[in-house]
Amino acid sequence: MAKAASIKIKLLSSADTGYFYVAKKNSRTQTDKLVKKKYDPVAKKHVEFRETKIK
């Protein structure tokens, strides 16, 4: 059976609040770490969210 192209990743807040989003990414086309600017409701502002592994 073939390996899935898309994997689930955790986007962790760079504001060190512990808040995170879960997203999918195609591991074959996007080989680098994903960084998105999204809203952190704990910090109450937009911050960068960086890709980490789901444990």
C-alpha atoms as a PDB file:
ATOM      1  CA  MET A   1       0.000   0.000   0.000  1.00  0.00           C
ATOM      2  CA  ALA A   2       1.233   3.494  -0.853  1.00  0.00           C
ATOM      3  CA  LYS A   3       2.343   6.004   1.756  1.00  0.00           C
ATOM      4  CA  ALA A   4       0.037   9.006   2.237  1.00  0.00           C
ATOM      5  CA  ALA A   5       1.239  12.264   0.683  1.00  0.00           C
ATOM      6  CA  SER A   6      -0.336  14.537   3.282  1.00  0.00           C
ATOM      7  CA  ILE A   7       0.584  14.463   6.961  1.00  0.00           C
ATOM      8  CA  LYS A   8      -0.826  16.229  10.013  1.00  0.00           C
ATOM      9  CA  ILE A   9       1.401  18.793  11.691  1.00  0.00           C
ATOM     10  CA  LYS A  10       1.104  20.977  14.767  1.00  0.00           C
ATOM     11  CA  LEU A  11       1.591  24.736  14.408  1.00  0.00           C
ATOM     12  CA  LEU A  12       2.887  25.983  17.770  1.00  0.00           C
ATOM     13  CA  SER A  13       2.737  29.643  18.783  1.00  0.00           C
ATOM     14  CA  SER A  14       6.036  31.515  18.910  1.00  0.00           C
ATOM     15  CA  ALA A  15       4.646  33.655  21.769  1.00  0.00           C
ATOM     16  CA  ASP A  16       5.220  30.682  24.168  1.00  0.00           C
ATOM     17  CA  THR A  17       1.564  30.544  25.232  1.00  0.00           C
ATOM     18  CA  GLY A  18       1.196  26.840  24.428  1.00  0.00           C
ATOM     19  CA  TYR A  19      -1.595  27.515  21.935  1.00  0.00           C
ATOM     20  CA  PHE A  20      -1.454  25.498  18.709  1.00  0.00           C
ATOM     21  CA  TYR A  21      -3.310  24.760  15.483  1.00  0.00           C
ATOM     22  CA  VAL A  22      -3.418  21.404  13.679  1.00  0.00           C
ATOM     23  CA  ALA A  23      -2.968  21.519   9.906  1.00  0.00           C
ATOM     24  CA  LYS A  24      -2.247  19.218   6.976  1.00  0.00           C
ATOM     25  CA  LYS A  25       0.680  19.556   4.643  1.00  0.00           C
ATOM     26  CA  ASN A  26       1.862  17.678   1.583  1.00  0.00           C
ATOM     27  CA  SER A  27       5.257  16.343   2.640  1.00  0.00           C
ATOM     28  CA  ARG A  28       6.341  15.646  -0.941  1.00  0.00           C
ATOM     29  CA  THR A  29       5.916  19.209  -2.241  1.00  0.00           C
ATOM     30  CA  GLN A  30       6.601  21.209   0.946  1.00  0.00           C
ATOM     31  CA  THR A  31       9.831  19.840   2.364  1.00  0.00           C
ATOM     32  CA  ASP A  32      10.764  22.835   4.529  1.00  0.00           C
ATOM     33  CA  LYS A  33       9.229  23.745   7.906  1.00  0.00           C
ATOM     34  CA  LEU A  34       5.917  25.582   7.674  1.00  0.00           C
ATOM     35  CA  VAL A  35       5.624  29.058   9.240  1.00  0.00           C
ATOM     36  CA  LYS A  36       2.307  30.937   9.210  1.00  0.00           C
ATOM     37  CA  LYS A  37       1.142  34.130  10.834  1.00  0.00           C
ATOM     38  CA  LYS A  38      -2.122  33.421  12.659  1.00  0.00           C
ATOM     39  CA  TYR A  39      -4.136  34.710  15.612  1.00  0.00           C
ATOM     40  CA  ASP A  40      -3.202  33.578  19.134  1.00  0.00           C
ATOM     41  CA  PRO A  41      -6.233  34.101  21.422  1.00  0.00           C
ATOM     42  CA  VAL A  42      -4.126  33.687  24.585  1.00  0.00           C
ATOM     43  CA  ALA A  43      -1.720  36.474  23.562  1.00  0.00           C
ATOM     44  CA  LYS A  44      -4.604  38.358  21.868  1.00  0.00           C
ATOM     45  CA  LYS A  45      -2.581  39.225  18.754  1.00  0.00           C
ATOM     46  CA  HIS A  46      -1.261  37.781  15.507  1.00  0.00           C
ATOM     47  CA  VAL A  47       2.028  35.893  15.918  1.00  0.00           C
ATOM     48  CA  GLU A  48       4.079  33.390  13.922  1.00  0.00           C
ATOM     49  CA  PHE A  49       3.189  29.737  14.285  1.00  0.00           C
ATOM     50  CA  ARG A  50       5.970  27.241  13.530  1.00  0.00           C
ATOM     51  CA  GLU A  51       5.678  23.599  12.531  1.00  0.00           C
ATOM     52  CA  THR A  52       6.360  20.910  15.143  1.00  0.00           C
ATOM     53  CA  LYS A  53       5.633  17.194  15.286  1.00  0.00           C
ATOM     54  CA  ILE A  54       2.451  15.771  16.750  1.00  0.00           C
ATOM     55  CA  LYS A  55       3.346  13.427  19.603  1.00  0.00           C
END
